[in-house]
Amino acid sequence: MSSWQVKVSCGGKVIKELDQETYDDILFDLSWWKVDTTGAGEQSLVIFLAKASHRAWAGPWFLGGMNPHKKIAFAWSNEQVGQSIIKELKVGSQALRSMEPGEPEDWNHEISTAITAEQMCTGMDLFESETSVQIVIHLDEAALDGATARVPLEEVFAADITRDQVVIFLRGDGFVIFKGKLNGSINQAQTTWKIRNIRRKNLPQDSDIKVPAFFNPALCIKLQKEGQPRLWQEIFAESQSTSFSLPRERIPWEERVARCQVLSPGAHTDKARKAERAQDLCTKVECSQDLLLNRVIIHLHLEERLTAMCQKFKVGLDGLFSMKVGPRMIQVNFVADAEYSICMGGLGGECIPEASSWEIFIDGNEEDGIAPHAVLKLGLAKSERNRGRWAEVFTRWQPWQVSENLKQAMKDGPADELEDFGDLDLEDADMEGNGE
């Protein structure tokens, strides 16, 4: 299986009917297959394909002869990317790979995004008529794009709805967005939801939105009231919601396109491929400890072709990355049209997030047999109670591990624990030499 192909064989012989190209791209890591046995002893082959895009298919297979994945790129100018470079930067999910049978052991782990409710949501509106209640949760467009780069849209959100209670949360991560007890009863069977792009008219006072008409995606949930049509005094008798981040304007379209081309030449509109390319950017992680200054140094070595792509598309290397840091975890992202995770993981001790810094420099030279490449250098200050040598400096995590540790931190610590998991600005950038 690949991100656009399915090939089934039995006893070493390919089954022609199941040697096909899929109607649209699929998410390889979330797709699976198994042989199911019924109570009567009959066996059937079950193939589960996770769609990369939230839209209906006319059928499971691509029936035309002009599959976009087979197109060849011809570079007519220096600003264009040739076929040879596209082949070198091809991600693993584009090629056919054998897949072991079996369903995922924990589906919520598979669809985790490591994005918190506060990062995803920017506000909420409530509307009521005599027959229905509508909950509108405004979403950060870049955060939603980052989530749907690796998880189908319908798997990002979930809601538990009873006759008088509503709980809305991020499905894979379990972060609660809103919960409340209604002042009346509803018919759960008639509840509907959709994601739509709406104009935001009442922006928060602290927002710096400057465009005259600001649109953002929103999760809209419509609840149908039971009984005689009437208005309730208050929609919710009691309610609780996450802290919402401020809405933000996206970077200019031309700059977004250029950044996406740096990340994924030849497929700059494919979110799933960009997310996989970001994971491939880091070729090596080196960790060290300064016992005198009580600091941890982490070097992330990036692929050598990255600097050449920046020069080709005229994008500054220093503006392509963001770092989020918490007391016991870090996450480094590539900033394009969304933040695509390069590396995330846990620390061997507790650090001081506000005393952390990072920089980027060019390392290596041809004389030593090391191709020049960009290196991200992260400097973390150890907390007072975790000074001394750490047994393990840094361990790479999956998104679900980040979410589990964030939820545990919320239980063990103060309610604002997640605020420390914020962005750090680039400091002391050195783009020449080895930066040492």
Protein backbone atom coordinates (compact mmCIF):
# COMPACT_ATOMS: atom_id res chain seq x y z
CA MET A 1 0.00 0.00 0.00
CA SER A 2 1.05 3.60 -0.58
CA SER A 3 -0.65 6.99 -0.23
CA TRP A 4 -2.38 6.42 -3.57
CA GLN A 5 -2.11 2.72 -4.41
CA VAL A 6 -3.40 -0.62 -3.12
CA LYS A 7 -1.90 -3.93 -4.20
CA VAL A 8 -3.25 -7.18 -2.71
CA SER A 9 -1.63 -10.55 -3.32
CA CYS A 10 -2.53 -14.06 -2.15
CA GLY A 11 0.02 -16.85 -2.11
CA GLY A 12 2.46 -14.71 -4.04
CA LYS A 13 -0.07 -14.01 -6.81
CA VAL A 14 -1.41 -10.48 -7.31
CA ILE A 15 -5.20 -10.13 -7.28
CA LYS A 16 -5.89 -8.02 -10.36
CA GLU A 17 -9.14 -6.56 -9.04
CA LEU A 18 -7.33 -5.27 -5.95
CA ASP A 19 -4.26 -3.92 -7.72
CA GLN A 20 -5.57 -0.38 -8.09
CA GLU A 21 -4.93 3.32 -7.64
CA THR A 22 -7.19 4.93 -5.03
CA TYR A 23 -9.73 7.57 -6.06
CA ASP A 24 -7.91 10.19 -3.95
CA ASP A 25 -4.96 10.23 -1.57
CA ILE A 26 -5.12 8.23 1.66
CA LEU A 27 -3.25 8.47 4.96
CA PHE A 28 -0.91 5.48 4.97
CA ASP A 29 -0.27 5.45 8.73
CA LEU A 30 -4.00 5.34 9.55
CA SER A 31 -4.96 2.71 6.95
CA TRP A 32 -5.04 -1.01 7.76
CA TRP A 33 -6.34 -4.41 6.66
CA LYS A 34 -7.33 -7.71 8.21
CA VAL A 35 -8.97 -11.04 7.41
CA ASP A 36 -12.29 -11.24 9.26
CA THR A 37 -13.97 -14.54 10.16
CA THR A 38 -17.74 -14.67 10.68
CA GLY A 39 -19.59 -16.95 13.08
CA ALA A 40 -20.35 -19.32 10.20
CA GLY A 41 -16.65 -19.72 9.51
CA GLU A 42 -16.65 -17.60 6.36
CA GLN A 43 -13.66 -15.32 5.81
CA SER A 44 -13.59 -11.87 4.25
CA LEU A 45 -10.86 -9.36 3.50
CA VAL A 46 -11.39 -5.98 5.18
CA ILE A 47 -9.38 -2.97 3.92
CA PHE A 48 -9.71 0.34 5.80
CA LEU A 49 -8.54 3.44 3.90
CA ALA A 50 -8.28 6.75 5.78
CA LYS A 51 -9.00 9.67 3.44
CA ALA A 52 -6.45 12.46 3.33
CA SER A 53 -9.10 14.99 2.22
CA HIS A 54 -12.58 15.44 3.68
CA ARG A 55 -14.74 14.85 0.61
CA ALA A 56 -16.90 12.18 -0.97
CA TRP A 57 -15.45 9.67 -3.43
CA ALA A 58 -17.28 8.51 -6.55
CA GLY A 59 -15.82 5.06 -5.86
CA PRO A 60 -12.79 3.43 -4.25
CA TRP A 61 -10.60 3.45 -7.37
CA PHE A 62 -9.17 6.04 -9.74
CA LEU A 63 -10.64 5.24 -13.14
CA GLY A 64 -8.91 7.79 -15.39
CA GLY A 65 -5.58 7.41 -17.14
CA MET A 66 -4.04 10.70 -15.96
CA ASN A 67 -3.27 10.16 -12.28
CA PRO A 68 -1.59 13.32 -10.88
CA HIS A 69 0.97 11.15 -9.09
CA LYS A 70 2.38 10.05 -12.45
CA LYS A 71 3.05 13.53 -13.78
CA ILE A 72 6.63 14.55 -14.54
CA ALA A 73 8.01 17.98 -13.67
CA PHE A 74 10.13 19.90 -16.20
CA ALA A 75 12.20 22.72 -14.76
CA TRP A 76 12.25 25.50 -17.35
CA SER A 77 13.89 28.06 -15.02
CA ASN A 78 16.04 28.22 -11.90
CA GLU A 79 12.95 28.90 -9.80
CA GLN A 80 11.38 25.57 -10.74
CA VAL A 81 12.18 22.15 -9.28
CA GLY A 82 13.28 19.34 -11.58
CA GLN A 83 12.12 15.73 -11.53
CA SER A 84 15.43 14.52 -10.07
CA ILE A 85 15.03 16.68 -6.95
CA ILE A 86 11.39 15.62 -6.54
CA LYS A 87 12.46 11.95 -6.64
CA GLU A 88 15.20 12.53 -4.06
CA LEU A 89 12.76 14.22 -1.68
CA LYS A 90 10.02 11.64 -2.16
CA VAL A 91 8.41 10.65 1.14
CA GLY A 92 8.04 7.03 2.18
CA SER A 93 4.25 6.89 1.90
CA GLN A 94 4.39 7.58 -1.85
CA ALA A 95 6.03 4.21 -2.60
CA LEU A 96 4.36 0.83 -2.22
CA ARG A 97 5.26 -0.80 1.09
CA SER A 98 4.16 -4.08 2.60
CA MET A 99 1.74 -3.73 5.50
CA GLU A 100 1.19 -6.23 8.28
CA PRO A 101 -2.45 -7.19 8.98
CA GLY A 102 -4.34 -5.95 12.02
CA GLU A 103 -6.31 -3.03 13.39
CA PRO A 104 -4.62 -0.28 15.45
CA GLU A 105 -4.43 -1.25 19.13
CA ASP A 106 -5.55 2.21 20.29
CA TRP A 107 -7.27 4.34 17.66
CA ASN A 108 -7.17 7.46 19.86
CA HIS A 109 -3.39 7.20 19.98
CA GLU A 110 -3.26 6.95 16.19
CA ILE A 111 -5.37 10.09 15.64
CA SER A 112 -3.69 12.22 18.30
CA THR A 113 -2.35 15.56 17.01
CA ALA A 114 -0.62 16.97 20.15
CA ILE A 115 -2.59 20.20 19.59
CA THR A 116 -4.38 21.54 22.65
CA ALA A 117 -7.92 22.93 22.75
CA GLU A 118 -6.51 26.40 23.47
CA GLN A 119 -4.30 26.28 20.37
CA MET A 120 -7.13 24.98 18.17
CA CYS A 121 -9.98 27.28 19.28
CA THR A 122 -10.20 31.08 19.17
CA GLY A 123 -13.67 31.72 20.55
CA MET A 124 -17.27 30.55 20.84
CA ASP A 125 -20.72 31.95 20.02
CA LEU A 126 -24.15 30.69 21.09
CA PHE A 127 -27.38 31.22 19.18
CA GLU A 128 -30.91 30.26 20.16
CA SER A 129 -34.28 30.11 18.43
CA GLU A 130 -37.56 28.74 19.73
CA THR A 131 -36.78 25.31 18.23
CA SER A 132 -32.99 24.96 18.29
CA VAL A 133 -29.67 25.92 19.84
CA GLN A 134 -26.52 26.44 17.79
CA ILE A 135 -22.99 26.26 19.20
CA VAL A 136 -20.31 27.86 17.01
CA ILE A 137 -16.69 27.21 17.98
CA HIS A 138 -14.24 29.35 16.03
CA LEU A 139 -11.06 27.56 14.95
CA ASP A 140 -7.54 28.66 14.16
CA GLU A 141 -7.13 27.91 10.45
CA ALA A 142 -3.41 27.14 10.63
CA ALA A 143 -3.86 24.83 13.64
CA LEU A 144 -6.70 23.00 11.87
CA ASP A 145 -4.55 22.57 8.75
CA GLY A 146 -1.75 21.17 10.91
CA ALA A 147 -4.12 18.68 12.54
CA THR A 148 -5.71 17.50 9.28
CA ALA A 149 -2.29 16.99 7.72
CA ARG A 150 -2.09 13.67 9.57
CA VAL A 151 -5.65 13.00 10.80
CA PRO A 152 -8.96 13.01 8.82
CA LEU A 153 -11.11 16.05 9.62
CA GLU A 154 -13.97 13.96 11.01
CA GLU A 155 -11.57 12.39 13.53
CA VAL A 156 -10.34 15.69 15.00
CA PHE A 157 -13.46 16.63 16.99
CA ALA A 158 -16.00 14.65 19.01
CA ALA A 159 -19.02 15.43 21.18
CA ASP A 160 -20.91 13.54 23.88
CA ILE A 161 -24.51 14.79 23.86
CA THR A 162 -27.36 13.72 26.14
CA ARG A 163 -30.86 15.18 26.56
CA ASP A 164 -29.53 17.95 28.80
CA GLN A 165 -25.71 17.93 28.59
CA VAL A 166 -23.09 18.76 25.95
CA VAL A 167 -19.37 17.92 26.01
CA ILE A 168 -17.19 18.88 23.01
CA PHE A 169 -13.55 17.78 22.88
CA LEU A 170 -10.61 16.89 20.65
CA ARG A 171 -11.17 13.22 20.00
CA GLY A 172 -7.67 11.76 19.84
CA ASP A 173 -6.13 13.96 22.52
CA GLY A 174 -9.08 14.20 24.92
CA PHE A 175 -8.73 17.94 25.56
CA VAL A 176 -12.14 19.39 26.48
CA ILE A 177 -13.23 22.44 24.48
CA PHE A 178 -16.61 23.05 26.12
CA LYS A 179 -19.01 21.31 28.46
CA GLY A 180 -22.30 22.47 29.91
CA LYS A 181 -25.69 21.53 31.30
CA LEU A 182 -28.64 22.75 29.24
CA ASN A 183 -31.61 24.61 30.69
CA GLY A 184 -33.95 22.33 28.77
CA SER A 185 -34.01 19.02 26.94
CA ILE A 186 -33.04 18.25 23.35
CA ASN A 187 -33.48 15.40 20.87
CA GLN A 188 -29.99 13.92 20.49
CA ALA A 189 -30.94 11.98 17.35
CA GLN A 190 -31.56 15.23 15.47
CA THR A 191 -28.21 16.80 16.39
CA THR A 192 -26.11 17.83 13.37
CA TRP A 193 -22.60 19.24 12.94
CA LYS A 194 -20.50 20.70 10.16
CA ILE A 195 -17.30 22.63 9.56
CA ARG A 196 -17.82 25.85 7.65
CA ASN A 197 -15.94 29.04 6.89
CA ILE A 198 -17.70 32.02 8.47
CA ARG A 199 -17.08 35.73 8.84
CA ARG A 200 -16.02 36.73 12.33
CA LYS A 201 -17.86 39.93 13.18
CA ASN A 202 -17.27 40.27 16.93
CA LEU A 203 -13.52 39.94 17.39
CA PRO A 204 -11.89 39.99 20.86
CA GLN A 205 -10.64 43.41 21.95
CA ASP A 206 -7.03 42.23 22.23
CA SER A 207 -7.04 40.85 18.71
CA ASP A 208 -4.73 42.52 16.17
CA ILE A 209 -6.78 41.51 13.11
CA LYS A 210 -6.55 44.29 10.51
CA VAL A 211 -8.40 42.89 7.50
CA PRO A 212 -11.89 44.42 7.07
CA ALA A 213 -13.54 41.01 6.60
CA PHE A 214 -11.95 38.24 8.66
CA PHE A 215 -13.06 34.66 7.99
CA ASN A 216 -12.14 31.55 9.95
CA PRO A 217 -13.27 27.90 9.97
CA ALA A 218 -15.78 27.03 12.67
CA LEU A 219 -17.31 23.91 14.15
CA CYS A 220 -21.08 24.40 14.11
CA ILE A 221 -23.27 22.09 16.21
CA LYS A 222 -27.06 22.39 16.00
CA LEU A 223 -29.21 21.00 18.83
CA GLN A 224 -32.92 20.46 18.26
CA LYS A 225 -35.14 21.29 21.27
CA GLU A 226 -37.78 18.92 22.59
CA GLY A 227 -41.33 19.90 23.52
CA GLN A 228 -43.22 23.06 22.67
CA PRO A 229 -41.24 25.80 20.88
CA ARG A 230 -40.01 28.39 23.36
CA LEU A 231 -36.99 30.46 24.30
CA TRP A 232 -35.02 29.46 27.39
CA GLN A 233 -34.01 32.17 29.87
CA GLU A 234 -30.42 31.00 29.59
CA ILE A 235 -29.13 28.35 27.18
CA PHE A 236 -26.88 26.71 29.77
CA ALA A 237 -27.53 26.42 33.50
CA GLU A 238 -23.80 25.90 34.02
CA SER A 239 -20.89 25.64 31.61
CA GLN A 240 -17.12 25.54 31.36
CA SER A 241 -14.84 26.13 28.38
CA THR A 242 -11.16 26.13 27.56
CA SER A 243 -9.13 29.33 27.44
CA PHE A 244 -9.31 30.50 23.83
CA SER A 245 -6.32 31.79 21.92
CA LEU A 246 -6.65 35.07 20.02
CA PRO A 247 -7.55 34.89 16.33
CA ARG A 248 -4.64 35.67 14.06
CA GLU A 249 -4.11 36.59 10.44
CA ARG A 250 -2.18 34.15 8.31
CA ILE A 251 1.10 35.10 6.68
CA PRO A 252 0.76 36.47 3.11
CA TRP A 253 -0.25 33.91 0.49
CA GLU A 254 2.91 34.29 -1.64
CA GLU A 255 5.14 33.71 1.37
CA ARG A 256 3.10 30.68 2.42
CA VAL A 257 3.49 29.16 -1.05
CA ALA A 258 7.25 29.77 -1.06
CA ARG A 259 7.65 28.16 2.38
CA CYS A 260 5.58 25.17 1.28
CA GLN A 261 7.78 24.76 -1.80
CA VAL A 262 10.87 24.75 0.40
CA LEU A 263 9.35 22.03 2.55
CA SER A 264 7.83 19.88 -0.19
CA PRO A 265 8.95 20.78 -3.73
CA GLY A 266 6.55 19.50 -6.35
CA ALA A 267 3.74 18.87 -3.82
CA HIS A 268 3.40 22.14 -1.95
CA THR A 269 -0.40 21.82 -1.61
CA ASP A 270 -0.36 18.28 -0.18
CA LYS A 271 -0.72 18.66 3.60
CA ALA A 272 -0.05 14.99 4.38
CA ARG A 273 3.14 14.99 2.33
CA LYS A 274 4.32 18.22 3.95
CA ALA A 275 3.79 16.71 7.40
CA GLU A 276 5.84 13.67 6.42
CA ARG A 277 8.55 15.82 4.84
CA ALA A 278 8.85 17.83 8.07
CA GLN A 279 9.50 14.59 9.98
CA ASP A 280 12.27 13.74 7.49
CA LEU A 281 14.03 17.12 7.85
CA CYS A 282 15.83 16.15 11.06
CA THR A 283 18.61 13.70 10.19
CA LYS A 284 20.32 13.52 13.60
CA VAL A 285 19.81 14.65 17.21
CA GLU A 286 22.81 15.33 19.46
CA CYS A 287 22.49 16.13 23.17
CA SER A 288 24.99 17.43 25.71
CA GLN A 289 24.96 18.92 29.22
CA ASP A 290 26.85 21.86 30.68
CA LEU A 291 27.18 20.91 34.36
CA LEU A 292 28.81 24.24 35.23
CA LEU A 293 26.04 26.42 33.81
CA ASN A 294 23.32 23.83 34.46
CA ARG A 295 22.12 23.89 30.88
CA VAL A 296 21.13 21.29 28.31
CA ILE A 297 22.19 21.68 24.68
CA ILE A 298 20.27 19.89 21.91
CA HIS A 299 21.46 20.02 18.29
CA LEU A 300 19.01 19.09 15.54
CA HIS A 301 20.87 18.46 12.27
CA LEU A 302 18.72 19.20 9.23
CA GLU A 303 18.99 17.72 5.75
CA GLU A 304 21.62 19.39 3.57
CA ARG A 305 19.26 20.22 0.68
CA LEU A 306 17.18 22.56 2.86
CA THR A 307 19.51 25.55 2.44
CA ALA A 308 19.55 25.12 -1.34
CA MET A 309 15.74 25.07 -1.41
CA CYS A 310 15.68 28.29 0.64
CA GLN A 311 17.97 29.98 -1.86
CA LYS A 312 15.94 28.73 -4.84
CA PHE A 313 12.65 30.05 -3.48
CA LYS A 314 14.16 33.14 -1.81
CA VAL A 315 13.04 32.28 1.72
CA GLY A 316 15.04 33.18 4.82
CA LEU A 317 16.12 30.13 6.79
CA ASP A 318 15.78 31.85 10.17
CA GLY A 319 12.02 32.41 9.82
CA LEU A 320 11.09 28.83 8.99
CA PHE A 321 11.06 27.36 12.49
CA SER A 322 9.24 27.73 15.79
CA MET A 323 9.89 26.05 19.12
CA LYS A 324 7.43 25.29 21.89
CA VAL A 325 8.83 24.43 25.28
CA GLY A 326 7.32 23.20 28.54
CA PRO A 327 8.94 22.22 31.83
CA ARG A 328 9.48 18.64 30.63
CA MET A 329 8.94 18.65 26.87
CA ILE A 330 9.85 20.45 23.65
CA GLN A 331 8.46 20.62 20.13
CA VAL A 332 10.19 22.04 17.04
CA ASN A 333 8.07 22.92 14.01
CA PHE A 334 8.53 23.97 10.40
CA VAL A 335 6.38 27.04 9.75
CA ALA A 336 4.75 27.05 6.30
CA ASP A 337 1.00 27.38 5.75
CA ALA A 338 0.74 25.59 9.12
CA GLU A 339 3.16 24.38 11.78
CA TYR A 340 4.44 20.93 10.80
CA SER A 341 6.21 19.04 13.56
CA ILE A 342 9.88 18.26 12.94
CA CYS A 343 10.65 16.79 16.32
CA MET A 344 8.84 16.49 19.66
CA GLY A 345 9.75 14.73 22.84
CA GLY A 346 10.34 14.65 26.57
CA LEU A 347 13.24 15.89 28.65
CA GLY A 348 15.13 13.88 31.26
CA GLY A 349 14.45 16.53 33.88
CA GLU A 350 12.65 19.81 34.43
CA CYS A 351 13.74 22.99 32.67
CA ILE A 352 12.83 26.68 32.94
CA PRO A 353 10.88 27.50 29.75
CA GLU A 354 11.30 31.28 29.99
CA ALA A 355 15.10 30.90 30.28
CA SER A 356 15.37 28.82 27.10
CA SER A 357 16.78 29.99 23.77
CA TRP A 358 17.57 28.69 20.32
CA GLU A 359 19.61 29.63 17.29
CA ILE A 360 20.42 28.31 13.84
CA PHE A 361 23.81 27.98 12.15
CA ILE A 362 25.51 26.20 9.26
CA ASP A 363 27.75 23.27 10.18
CA GLY A 364 30.06 20.95 8.23
CA ASN A 365 32.47 21.42 5.33
CA GLU A 366 33.43 19.42 2.27
CA GLU A 367 37.08 18.98 3.40
CA ASP A 368 35.97 16.95 6.42
CA GLY A 369 33.58 14.91 4.30
CA ILE A 370 30.53 16.50 5.97
CA ALA A 371 28.21 18.38 3.66
CA PRO A 372 27.29 21.86 4.93
CA HIS A 373 23.83 21.79 6.51
CA ALA A 374 21.68 23.80 8.86
CA VAL A 375 21.64 22.98 12.58
CA LEU A 376 19.11 24.10 15.16
CA LYS A 377 20.71 24.60 18.56
CA LEU A 378 18.37 24.57 21.57
CA GLY A 379 19.62 25.79 24.95
CA LEU A 380 17.52 24.84 27.99
CA ALA A 381 18.18 26.00 31.56
CA LYS A 382 17.71 23.27 34.19
CA SER A 383 15.36 24.07 37.04
CA GLU A 384 16.82 24.38 40.53
CA ARG A 385 15.47 21.03 41.71
CA ASN A 386 16.75 19.18 38.62
CA ARG A 387 20.33 20.36 38.46
CA GLY A 388 23.17 17.89 38.02
CA ARG A 389 23.58 15.26 35.33
CA TRP A 390 20.46 13.88 33.71
CA ALA A 391 20.49 10.18 32.85
CA GLU A 392 18.71 10.88 29.56
CA VAL A 393 18.58 14.37 28.05
CA PHE A 394 15.93 13.96 25.36
CA THR A 395 13.60 11.20 24.12
CA ARG A 396 11.54 11.54 20.96
CA TRP A 397 7.81 11.05 21.48
CA GLN A 398 4.75 10.34 19.42
CA PRO A 399 1.95 12.99 19.47
CA TRP A 400 -0.19 10.94 21.88
CA GLN A 401 2.65 10.85 24.39
CA VAL A 402 2.87 14.65 24.31
CA SER A 403 -0.88 14.92 24.90
CA GLU A 404 -0.82 12.41 27.76
CA ASN A 405 1.97 14.32 29.50
CA LEU A 406 0.18 17.63 29.03
CA LYS A 407 -2.99 16.20 30.57
CA GLN A 408 -1.00 14.75 33.47
CA ALA A 409 0.68 18.14 34.00
CA MET A 410 -2.76 19.76 34.20
CA LYS A 411 -3.79 17.30 36.91
CA ASP A 412 -0.58 17.54 38.94
CA GLY A 413 0.13 21.24 38.59
CA PRO A 414 -1.69 24.56 38.45
CA ALA A 415 -4.45 25.17 35.94
CA ASP A 416 -2.20 27.34 33.76
CA GLU A 417 0.43 24.62 33.23
CA LEU A 418 -0.13 24.64 29.48
CA GLU A 419 0.77 28.32 29.21
CA ASP A 420 4.43 27.41 29.67
CA PHE A 421 4.22 25.33 26.50
CA GLY A 422 4.61 28.51 24.42
CA ASP A 423 6.60 29.82 21.49
CA LEU A 424 10.14 31.06 21.80
CA ASP A 425 11.67 33.64 19.48
CA LEU A 426 14.88 33.06 17.57
CA GLU A 427 17.86 34.51 19.39
CA ASP A 428 21.47 35.16 18.40
CA ALA A 429 21.12 33.68 14.91
CA ASP A 430 24.42 32.96 13.18
CA MET A 431 24.01 32.05 9.52
CA GLU A 432 27.70 31.80 8.68
CA GLY A 433 30.38 29.46 9.95
CA ASN A 434 29.67 26.74 12.46
CA GLY A 435 28.15 28.96 15.15
CA GLU A 436 30.43 27.66 17.89
